[in-house]
PDB file of N, CA and C in Angstrom:
ATOM      1  N   MET A   1       3.071 -34.413   3.746  1.00  0.00           N
ATOM      2  CA  MET A   1       4.034 -33.383   4.258  1.00  0.00           C
ATOM      3  C   MET A   1       4.259 -33.949   5.994  1.00  0.00           C
ATOM      4  N   SER A   2       5.708 -34.123   6.409  1.00  0.00           N
ATOM      5  CA  SER A   2       5.889 -34.554   7.526  1.00  0.00           C
ATOM      6  C   SER A   2       6.369 -33.529   8.472  1.00  0.00           C
ATOM      7  N   ILE A   3       6.015 -33.724   9.724  1.00  0.00           N
ATOM      8  CA  ILE A   3       6.227 -32.786  10.768  1.00  0.00           C
ATOM      9  C   ILE A   3       7.765 -32.774  11.335  1.00  0.00           C
ATOM     10  N   ALA A   4       8.436 -31.794  11.329  1.00  0.00           N
ATOM     11  CA  ALA A   4       9.805 -31.852  11.765  1.00  0.00           C
ATOM     12  C   ALA A   4       9.900 -32.028  13.233  1.00  0.00           C
ATOM     13  N   MET A   5      10.602 -32.934  13.643  1.00  0.00           N
ATOM     14  CA  MET A   5      10.684 -33.359  15.063  1.00  0.00           C
ATOM     15  C   MET A   5      12.108 -33.086  15.789  1.00  0.00           C
ATOM     16  N   VAL A   6      12.199 -32.807  16.816  1.00  0.00           N
ATOM     17  CA  VAL A   6      13.665 -32.513  17.577  1.00  0.00           C
ATOM     18  C   VAL A   6      13.598 -33.722  18.755  1.00  0.00           C
ATOM     19  N   THR A   7      14.713 -33.946  18.946  1.00  0.00           N
ATOM     20  CA  THR A   7      15.123 -34.905  20.144  1.00  0.00           C
ATOM     21  C   THR A   7      15.717 -34.507  21.329  1.00  0.00           C
ATOM     22  N   LEU A   8      15.044 -34.556  22.083  1.00  0.00           N
ATOM     23  CA  LEU A   8      15.147 -34.090  23.647  1.00  0.00           C
ATOM     24  C   LEU A   8      16.386 -34.885  24.217  1.00  0.00           C
ATOM     25  N   LYS A   9      16.824 -34.178  25.288  1.00  0.00           N
ATOM     26  CA  LYS A   9      18.170 -34.678  25.978  1.00  0.00           C
ATOM     27  C   LYS A   9      17.986 -36.214  26.504  1.00  0.00           C
ATOM     28  N   ASP A  10      16.648 -36.552  26.864  1.00  0.00           N
ATOM     29  CA  ASP A  10      16.388 -37.924  27.293  1.00  0.00           C
ATOM     30  C   ASP A  10      15.926 -38.846  26.169  1.00  0.00           C
ATOM     31  N   GLY A  11      16.009 -38.365  25.074  1.00  0.00           N
ATOM     32  CA  GLY A  11      15.476 -39.252  23.699  1.00  0.00           C
ATOM     33  C   GLY A  11      14.253 -39.046  23.451  1.00  0.00           C
ATOM     34  N   THR A  12      13.466 -38.477  24.103  1.00  0.00           N
ATOM     35  CA  THR A  12      11.907 -38.158  23.511  1.00  0.00           C
ATOM     36  C   THR A  12      11.911 -37.338  22.412  1.00  0.00           C
ATOM     37  N   GLN A  13      11.146 -37.548  21.553  1.00  0.00           N
ATOM     38  CA  GLN A  13      10.975 -36.749  20.185  1.00  0.00           C
ATOM     39  C   GLN A  13       9.496 -36.005  20.410  1.00  0.00           C
ATOM     40  N   VAL A  14       9.806 -34.684  20.002  1.00  0.00           N
ATOM     41  CA  VAL A  14       8.456 -33.735  19.981  1.00  0.00           C
ATOM     42  C   VAL A  14       8.516 -33.020  18.568  1.00  0.00           C
ATOM     43  N   PRO A  15       7.429 -32.486  18.317  1.00  0.00           N
ATOM     44  CA  PRO A  15       7.535 -31.627  17.015  1.00  0.00           C
ATOM     45  C   PRO A  15       8.254 -30.430  17.502  1.00  0.00           C
ATOM     46  N   GLU A  16       9.114 -29.814  16.701  1.00  0.00           N
ATOM     47  CA  GLU A  16       9.919 -28.944  16.662  1.00  0.00           C
ATOM     48  C   GLU A  16       9.169 -27.527  16.909  1.00  0.00           C
ATOM     49  N   SER A  17       8.042 -27.364  16.280  1.00  0.00           N
ATOM     50  CA  SER A  17       7.304 -26.011  16.645  1.00  0.00           C
ATOM     51  C   SER A  17       6.595 -26.012  17.939  1.00  0.00           C
ATOM     52  N   VAL A  18       6.360 -27.208  18.462  1.00  0.00           N
ATOM     53  CA  VAL A  18       5.990 -27.404  19.865  1.00  0.00           C
ATOM     54  C   VAL A  18       6.969 -26.904  20.871  1.00  0.00           C
ATOM     55  N   CYS A  19       8.077 -27.568  20.400  1.00  0.00           N
ATOM     56  CA  CYS A  19       9.543 -27.232  21.320  1.00  0.00           C
ATOM     57  C   CYS A  19       9.606 -25.577  21.544  1.00  0.00           C
ATOM     58  N   ILE A  20       9.729 -25.088  20.130  1.00  0.00           N
ATOM     59  CA  ILE A  20      10.006 -23.752  20.149  1.00  0.00           C
ATOM     60  C   ILE A  20       8.963 -22.831  20.977  1.00  0.00           C
ATOM     61  N   LEU A  21       7.413 -23.257  20.751  1.00  0.00           N
ATOM     62  CA  LEU A  21       6.402 -22.471  21.500  1.00  0.00           C
ATOM     63  C   LEU A  21       6.540 -22.594  22.932  1.00  0.00           C
ATOM     64  N   VAL A  22       6.725 -23.704  23.561  1.00  0.00           N
ATOM     65  CA  VAL A  22       7.034 -24.146  24.890  1.00  0.00           C
ATOM     66  C   VAL A  22       8.141 -23.425  25.669  1.00  0.00           C
ATOM     67  N   MET A  23       9.141 -23.529  24.757  1.00  0.00           N
ATOM     68  CA  MET A  23      10.265 -22.800  25.340  1.00  0.00           C
ATOM     69  C   MET A  23      10.101 -21.148  25.324  1.00  0.00           C
ATOM     70  N   LYS A  24       9.381 -20.619  24.490  1.00  0.00           N
ATOM     71  CA  LYS A  24       9.245 -19.322  24.637  1.00  0.00           C
ATOM     72  C   LYS A  24       8.222 -18.836  25.611  1.00  0.00           C
ATOM     73  N   SER A  25       7.116 -19.795  25.886  1.00  0.00           N
ATOM     74  CA  SER A  25       6.098 -19.568  26.960  1.00  0.00           C
ATOM     75  C   SER A  25       6.905 -19.782  28.386  1.00  0.00           C
ATOM     76  N   LEU A  26       7.851 -20.757  28.372  1.00  0.00           N
ATOM     77  CA  LEU A  26       8.409 -20.789  29.730  1.00  0.00           C
ATOM     78  C   LEU A  26       9.579 -19.651  30.050  1.00  0.00           C
ATOM     79  N   ASN A  27      10.006 -18.949  28.931  1.00  0.00           N
ATOM     80  CA  ASN A  27      10.799 -17.981  29.147  1.00  0.00           C
ATOM     81  C   ASN A  27       9.894 -16.755  29.726  1.00  0.00           C
ATOM     82  N   VAL A  28       8.598 -16.513  29.192  1.00  0.00           N
ATOM     83  CA  VAL A  28       7.728 -15.664  29.681  1.00  0.00           C
ATOM     84  C   VAL A  28       7.428 -15.860  31.085  1.00  0.00           C
ATOM     85  N   LEU A  29       7.048 -17.313  31.410  1.00  0.00           N
ATOM     86  CA  LEU A  29       6.500 -17.452  32.810  1.00  0.00           C
ATOM     87  C   LEU A  29       7.797 -17.366  33.896  1.00  0.00           C
ATOM     88  N   LEU A  30       8.929 -17.702  33.355  1.00  0.00           N
ATOM     89  CA  LEU A  30      10.041 -17.560  34.335  1.00  0.00           C
ATOM     90  C   LEU A  30      10.427 -16.027  34.521  1.00  0.00           C
ATOM     91  N   GLU A  31      10.386 -15.235  33.555  1.00  0.00           N
ATOM     92  CA  GLU A  31      10.447 -13.608  33.827  1.00  0.00           C
ATOM     93  C   GLU A  31       9.392 -13.027  34.470  1.00  0.00           C
ATOM     94  N   GLN A  32       8.064 -13.460  34.266  1.00  0.00           N
ATOM     95  CA  GLN A  32       7.131 -12.666  34.912  1.00  0.00           C
ATOM     96  C   GLN A  32       6.390 -13.268  36.078  1.00  0.00           C
ATOM     97  N   ASN A  33       6.475 -14.665  36.256  1.00  0.00           N
ATOM     98  CA  ASN A  33       5.898 -15.113  37.337  1.00  0.00           C
ATOM     99  C   ASN A  33       6.673 -16.647  37.869  1.00  0.00           C
ATOM    100  N   PHE A  34       7.628 -16.321  38.626  1.00  0.00           N
ATOM    101  CA  PHE A  34       8.446 -17.576  38.891  1.00  0.00           C
ATOM    102  C   PHE A  34       7.886 -18.448  39.887  1.00  0.00           C
ATOM    103  N   THR A  35       6.643 -18.201  40.759  1.00  0.00           N
ATOM    104  CA  THR A  35       5.976 -19.093  41.467  1.00  0.00           C
ATOM    105  C   THR A  35       5.252 -20.103  40.592  1.00  0.00           C
ATOM    106  N   ALA A  36       4.855 -19.492  39.508  1.00  0.00           N
ATOM    107  CA  ALA A  36       4.111 -20.392  38.284  1.00  0.00           C
ATOM    108  C   ALA A  36       4.857 -21.380  37.629  1.00  0.00           C
ATOM    109  N   PHE A  37       6.081 -20.633  37.109  1.00  0.00           N
ATOM    110  CA  PHE A  37       7.053 -21.468  36.608  1.00  0.00           C
ATOM    111  C   PHE A  37       7.432 -22.720  37.647  1.00  0.00           C
ATOM    112  N   TYR A  38       7.485 -22.444  38.856  1.00  0.00           N
ATOM    113  CA  TYR A  38       8.046 -23.475  39.754  1.00  0.00           C
ATOM    114  C   TYR A  38       7.032 -24.487  39.842  1.00  0.00           C
ATOM    115  N   ASP A  39       5.658 -24.125  40.077  1.00  0.00           N
ATOM    116  CA  ASP A  39       4.800 -24.980  39.924  1.00  0.00           C
ATOM    117  C   ASP A  39       4.567 -25.853  38.692  1.00  0.00           C
ATOM    118  N   LEU A  40       4.790 -25.246  37.668  1.00  0.00           N
ATOM    119  CA  LEU A  40       4.791 -26.177  36.177  1.00  0.00           C
ATOM    120  C   LEU A  40       5.925 -27.212  36.345  1.00  0.00           C
ATOM    121  N   VAL A  41       7.110 -26.875  36.578  1.00  0.00           N
ATOM    122  CA  VAL A  41       8.190 -27.620  36.856  1.00  0.00           C
ATOM    123  C   VAL A  41       7.867 -28.764  37.825  1.00  0.00           C
ATOM    124  N   MET A  42       7.248 -28.496  39.004  1.00  0.00           N
ATOM    125  CA  MET A  42       6.835 -29.605  39.926  1.00  0.00           C
ATOM    126  C   MET A  42       5.706 -30.659  39.183  1.00  0.00           C
ATOM    127  N   LEU A  43       4.977 -30.042  38.590  1.00  0.00           N
ATOM    128  CA  LEU A  43       3.969 -30.790  37.940  1.00  0.00           C
ATOM    129  C   LEU A  43       4.479 -31.750  36.860  1.00  0.00           C
ATOM    130  N   ALA A  44       5.523 -31.021  36.131  1.00  0.00           N
ATOM    131  CA  ALA A  44       6.092 -31.830  34.880  1.00  0.00           C
ATOM    132  C   ALA A  44       6.891 -32.946  35.352  1.00  0.00           C
ATOM    133  N   ARG A  45       7.673 -32.701  36.517  1.00  0.00           N
ATOM    134  CA  ARG A  45       8.455 -33.770  37.139  1.00  0.00           C
ATOM    135  C   ARG A  45       7.649 -34.873  38.019  1.00  0.00           C
ATOM    136  N   GLY A  46       6.414 -34.659  37.764  1.00  0.00           N
ATOM    137  CA  GLY A  46       5.550 -35.871  38.178  1.00  0.00           C
ATOM    138  C   GLY A  46       5.233 -35.762  39.765  1.00  0.00           C
ATOM    139  N   ARG A  47       5.491 -34.791  40.487  1.00  0.00           N
ATOM    140  CA  ARG A  47       5.461 -34.707  41.896  1.00  0.00           C
ATOM    141  C   ARG A  47       3.786 -34.530  42.103  1.00  0.00           C
ATOM    142  N   ASP A  48       3.492 -34.967  43.336  1.00  0.00           N
ATOM    143  CA  ASP A  48       2.080 -34.967  43.627  1.00  0.00           C
ATOM    144  C   ASP A  48       2.057 -33.456  44.140  1.00  0.00           C
ATOM    145  N   TYR A  49       1.566 -32.516  43.577  1.00  0.00           N
ATOM    146  CA  TYR A  49       1.717 -31.182  43.714  1.00  0.00           C
ATOM    147  C   TYR A  49       0.296 -30.189  43.403  1.00  0.00           C
ATOM    148  N   ARG A  50      -0.045 -29.426  44.275  1.00  0.00           N
ATOM    149  CA  ARG A  50      -1.091 -28.534  44.037  1.00  0.00           C
ATOM    150  C   ARG A  50      -0.788 -27.184  43.719  1.00  0.00           C
ATOM    151  N   VAL A  51      -1.549 -26.753  42.479  1.00  0.00           N
ATOM    152  CA  VAL A  51      -1.091 -25.494  42.074  1.00  0.00           C
ATOM    153  C   VAL A  51      -2.063 -24.630  42.337  1.00  0.00           C
ATOM    154  N   SER A  52      -1.734 -23.374  43.003  1.00  0.00           N
ATOM    155  CA  SER A  52      -2.752 -22.374  43.231  1.00  0.00           C
ATOM    156  C   SER A  52      -3.610 -21.968  42.069  1.00  0.00           C
ATOM    157  N   GLU A  53      -4.984 -21.617  42.265  1.00  0.00           N
ATOM    158  CA  GLU A  53      -5.597 -21.167  41.105  1.00  0.00           C
ATOM    159  C   GLU A  53      -5.100 -19.978  40.239  1.00  0.00           C
ATOM    160  N   GLY A  54      -4.567 -18.975  40.908  1.00  0.00           N
ATOM    161  CA  GLY A  54      -3.772 -18.003  40.168  1.00  0.00           C
ATOM    162  C   GLY A  54      -2.969 -18.446  39.355  1.00  0.00           C
ATOM    163  N   ASN A  55      -1.991 -19.341  40.067  1.00  0.00           N
ATOM    164  CA  ASN A  55      -0.832 -19.711  39.080  1.00  0.00           C
ATOM    165  C   ASN A  55      -1.128 -20.637  37.949  1.00  0.00           C
ATOM    166  N   ALA A  56      -2.268 -21.471  38.303  1.00  0.00           N
ATOM    167  CA  ALA A  56      -2.812 -22.672  37.343  1.00  0.00           C
ATOM    168  C   ALA A  56      -3.471 -21.658  36.119  1.00  0.00           C
ATOM    169  N   ASN A  57      -3.979 -20.492  36.588  1.00  0.00           N
ATOM    170  CA  ASN A  57      -4.678 -19.620  35.346  1.00  0.00           C
ATOM    171  C   ASN A  57      -3.472 -18.964  34.572  1.00  0.00           C
ATOM    172  N   ALA A  58      -2.222 -18.685  35.391  1.00  0.00           N
ATOM    173  CA  ALA A  58      -1.165 -18.040  34.605  1.00  0.00           C
ATOM    174  C   ALA A  58      -0.578 -19.065  33.701  1.00  0.00           C
ATOM    175  N   ILE A  59      -0.468 -20.454  34.298  1.00  0.00           N
ATOM    176  CA  ILE A  59       0.112 -21.247  33.267  1.00  0.00           C
ATOM    177  C   ILE A  59      -0.797 -21.892  32.126  1.00  0.00           C
ATOM    178  N   ARG A  60      -2.052 -21.752  32.435  1.00  0.00           N
ATOM    179  CA  ARG A  60      -3.056 -22.174  31.354  1.00  0.00           C
ATOM    180  C   ARG A  60      -3.225 -20.945  30.352  1.00  0.00           C
ATOM    181  N   ASN A  61      -3.015 -19.726  30.870  1.00  0.00           N
ATOM    182  CA  ASN A  61      -2.982 -18.716  29.800  1.00  0.00           C
ATOM    183  C   ASN A  61      -1.718 -18.712  28.789  1.00  0.00           C
ATOM    184  N   LEU A  62      -0.741 -19.363  29.014  1.00  0.00           N
ATOM    185  CA  LEU A  62       0.410 -19.638  28.205  1.00  0.00           C
ATOM    186  C   LEU A  62       0.268 -21.143  27.369  1.00  0.00           C
ATOM    187  N   ALA A  63      -1.008 -21.635  27.676  1.00  0.00           N
ATOM    188  CA  ALA A  63      -1.275 -22.921  26.758  1.00  0.00           C
ATOM    189  C   ALA A  63      -0.335 -24.014  27.413  1.00  0.00           C
ATOM    190  N   LEU A  64      -0.037 -24.209  28.512  1.00  0.00           N
ATOM    191  CA  LEU A  64       1.206 -25.049  29.153  1.00  0.00           C
ATOM    192  C   LEU A  64       0.347 -26.187  30.203  1.00  0.00           C
ATOM    193  N   LEU A  65      -0.856 -25.746  30.406  1.00  0.00           N
ATOM    194  CA  LEU A  65      -1.771 -26.766  31.159  1.00  0.00           C
ATOM    195  C   LEU A  65      -2.897 -27.205  30.236  1.00  0.00           C
ATOM    196  N   GLU A  66      -3.567 -28.469  30.226  1.00  0.00           N
ATOM    197  CA  GLU A  66      -4.748 -29.062  29.750  1.00  0.00           C
ATOM    198  C   GLU A  66      -5.842 -28.442  30.642  1.00  0.00           C
ATOM    199  N   ASN A  67      -6.968 -28.804  30.136  1.00  0.00           N
ATOM    200  CA  ASN A  67      -8.113 -28.487  31.094  1.00  0.00           C
ATOM    201  C   ASN A  67      -8.322 -29.404  32.331  1.00  0.00           C
ATOM    202  N   ASP A  68      -7.574 -30.374  32.318  1.00  0.00           N
ATOM    203  CA  ASP A  68      -7.668 -31.085  33.682  1.00  0.00           C
ATOM    204  C   ASP A  68      -6.478 -30.854  34.527  1.00  0.00           C
ATOM    205  N   GLY A  69      -5.989 -29.654  34.307  1.00  0.00           N
ATOM    206  CA  GLY A  69      -4.905 -29.171  35.200  1.00  0.00           C
ATOM    207  C   GLY A  69      -3.558 -29.699  35.087  1.00  0.00           C
ATOM    208  N   ARG A  70      -3.191 -30.498  34.193  1.00  0.00           N
ATOM    209  CA  ARG A  70      -2.064 -31.402  34.018  1.00  0.00           C
ATOM    210  C   ARG A  70      -1.291 -30.684  32.719  1.00  0.00           C
ATOM    211  N   PRO A  71       0.080 -30.876  32.640  1.00  0.00           N
ATOM    212  CA  PRO A  71       0.669 -30.378  31.253  1.00  0.00           C
ATOM    213  C   PRO A  71       0.369 -31.425  30.201  1.00  0.00           C
ATOM    214  N   HIS A  72       0.275 -31.158  29.022  1.00  0.00           N
ATOM    215  CA  HIS A  72       0.416 -32.109  27.991  1.00  0.00           C
ATOM    216  C   HIS A  72       1.909 -32.922  28.099  1.00  0.00           C
ATOM    217  N   GLU A  73       1.857 -34.179  27.644  1.00  0.00           N
ATOM    218  CA  GLU A  73       2.961 -35.122  27.806  1.00  0.00           C
ATOM    219  C   GLU A  73       4.184 -34.369  27.126  1.00  0.00           C
ATOM    220  N   ASP A  74       3.948 -33.618  25.796  1.00  0.00           N
ATOM    221  CA  ASP A  74       5.146 -33.017  25.262  1.00  0.00           C
ATOM    222  C   ASP A  74       5.765 -31.811  25.928  1.00  0.00           C
ATOM    223  N   VAL A  75       4.648 -31.213  26.617  1.00  0.00           N
ATOM    224  CA  VAL A  75       5.139 -29.908  27.687  1.00  0.00           C
ATOM    225  C   VAL A  75       6.015 -30.399  28.871  1.00  0.00           C
ATOM    226  N   ARG A  76       5.398 -31.495  29.303  1.00  0.00           N
ATOM    227  CA  ARG A  76       6.231 -32.362  30.474  1.00  0.00           C
ATOM    228  C   ARG A  76       7.599 -32.560  30.080  1.00  0.00           C
ATOM    229  N   ALA A  77       7.649 -33.335  28.767  1.00  0.00           N
ATOM    230  CA  ALA A  77       8.937 -33.805  28.450  1.00  0.00           C
ATOM    231  C   ALA A  77      10.055 -32.409  28.132  1.00  0.00           C
ATOM    232  N   ILE A  78       9.556 -31.390  27.532  1.00  0.00           N
ATOM    233  CA  ILE A  78      10.226 -30.286  27.180  1.00  0.00           C
ATOM    234  C   ILE A  78      10.615 -29.740  28.594  1.00  0.00           C
ATOM    235  N   VAL A  79       9.984 -29.528  29.571  1.00  0.00           N
ATOM    236  CA  VAL A  79      10.233 -28.891  30.841  1.00  0.00           C
ATOM    237  C   VAL A  79      11.309 -29.611  31.606  1.00  0.00           C
ATOM    238  N   ARG A  80      10.829 -31.033  31.735  1.00  0.00           N
ATOM    239  CA  ARG A  80      11.742 -32.019  32.295  1.00  0.00           C
ATOM    240  C   ARG A  80      13.301 -32.017  31.786  1.00  0.00           C
ATOM    241  N   ASN A  81      13.291 -31.511  30.497  1.00  0.00           N
ATOM    242  CA  ASN A  81      14.771 -31.865  29.867  1.00  0.00           C
ATOM    243  C   ASN A  81      15.208 -30.265  29.688  1.00  0.00           C
ATOM    244  N   ALA A  82      14.277 -29.304  29.967  1.00  0.00           N
ATOM    245  CA  ALA A  82      14.966 -27.752  29.851  1.00  0.00           C
ATOM    246  C   ALA A  82      15.279 -27.342  31.153  1.00  0.00           C
ATOM    247  N   VAL A  83      14.754 -27.746  32.111  1.00  0.00           N
ATOM    248  CA  VAL A  83      15.200 -27.115  33.564  1.00  0.00           C
ATOM    249  C   VAL A  83      15.905 -27.975  34.421  1.00  0.00           C
ATOM    250  N   GLU A  84      16.862 -27.312  34.998  1.00  0.00           N
ATOM    251  CA  GLU A  84      17.890 -28.184  36.037  1.00  0.00           C
ATOM    252  C   GLU A  84      17.718 -27.203  37.295  1.00  0.00           C
ATOM    253  N   GLY A  85      17.958 -27.929  38.376  1.00  0.00           N
ATOM    254  CA  GLY A  85      18.037 -27.380  39.604  1.00  0.00           C
ATOM    255  C   GLY A  85      17.017 -27.635  40.284  1.00  0.00           C
ATOM    256  N   GLU A  86      16.837 -27.019  41.542  1.00  0.00           N
ATOM    257  CA  GLU A  86      15.837 -26.974  42.459  1.00  0.00           C
ATOM    258  C   GLU A  86      15.308 -25.733  43.332  1.00  0.00           C
ATOM    259  N   GLY A  87      14.074 -25.371  43.503  1.00  0.00           N
ATOM    260  CA  GLY A  87      13.847 -24.370  43.980  1.00  0.00           C
ATOM    261  C   GLY A  87      14.239 -22.998  43.515  1.00  0.00           C
ATOM    262  N   TRP A  88      14.785 -22.047  44.286  1.00  0.00           N
ATOM    263  CA  TRP A  88      15.161 -20.690  43.551  1.00  0.00           C
ATOM    264  C   TRP A  88      16.605 -20.888  42.616  1.00  0.00           C
ATOM    265  N   GLN A  89      17.061 -22.244  42.582  1.00  0.00           N
ATOM    266  CA  GLN A  89      18.454 -22.515  42.026  1.00  0.00           C
ATOM    267  C   GLN A  89      17.884 -22.867  40.436  1.00  0.00           C
ATOM    268  N   MET A  90      16.694 -22.910  40.152  1.00  0.00           N
ATOM    269  CA  MET A  90      16.378 -23.411  38.716  1.00  0.00           C
ATOM    270  C   MET A  90      16.530 -22.761  37.712  1.00  0.00           C
ATOM    271  N   VAL A  91      17.163 -23.258  36.706  1.00  0.00           N
ATOM    272  CA  VAL A  91      17.815 -22.547  35.396  1.00  0.00           C
ATOM    273  C   VAL A  91      16.916 -23.151  34.353  1.00  0.00           C
ATOM    274  N   LEU A  92      16.665 -22.334  33.210  1.00  0.00           N
ATOM    275  CA  LEU A  92      16.152 -22.816  32.073  1.00  0.00           C
ATOM    276  C   LEU A  92      17.410 -22.917  31.120  1.00  0.00           C
ATOM    277  N   GLY A  93      17.298 -24.070  30.302  1.00  0.00           N
ATOM    278  CA  GLY A  93      18.278 -24.169  29.150  1.00  0.00           C
ATOM    279  C   GLY A  93      17.658 -24.995  28.016  1.00  0.00           C
ATOM    280  N   SER A  94      18.311 -25.346  27.298  1.00  0.00           N
ATOM    281  CA  SER A  94      17.903 -25.959  25.599  1.00  0.00           C
ATOM    282  C   SER A  94      17.591 -27.496  26.329  1.00  0.00           C
ATOM    283  N   PRO A  95      16.522 -27.894  25.886  1.00  0.00           N
ATOM    284  CA  PRO A  95      15.949 -29.090  26.196  1.00  0.00           C
ATOM    285  C   PRO A  95      16.393 -30.150  25.045  1.00  0.00           C
ATOM    286  N   VAL A  96      17.051 -29.761  24.066  1.00  0.00           N
ATOM    287  CA  VAL A  96      17.443 -30.534  22.847  1.00  0.00           C
ATOM    288  C   VAL A  96      18.498 -31.159  23.013  1.00  0.00           C
ATOM    289  N   LYS A  97      18.617 -32.320  22.602  1.00  0.00           N
ATOM    290  CA  LYS A  97      19.829 -33.197  22.575  1.00  0.00           C
ATOM    291  C   LYS A  97      20.782 -32.609  21.604  1.00  0.00           C
ATOM    292  N   GLU A  98      22.104 -32.474  22.023  1.00  0.00           N
ATOM    293  CA  GLU A  98      23.136 -32.050  20.985  1.00  0.00           C
ATOM    294  C   GLU A  98      23.765 -33.008  20.338  1.00  0.00           C
TER     295      GLU A  98
END
């Protein structure tokens, strides 16, 4: 049995089920805790960035951070492809290549 994959805008391939789950979690984070959402985006974009313990816990509770405090490579790829803009102007869209 093979795992269904999706291609992201940058050409990265991730499991479809992971993409769906991460996007649902990102929507929850965006609606409930914008500062934690912002922190995750900064981490995913590879910035040298420190996340507060409270925001790290909020992100970890949605399974978007590994135990080492970094997002998994699939999460990073999905976030980088789904989020556009900077700061308060960040918007969440589809990460999937059309």
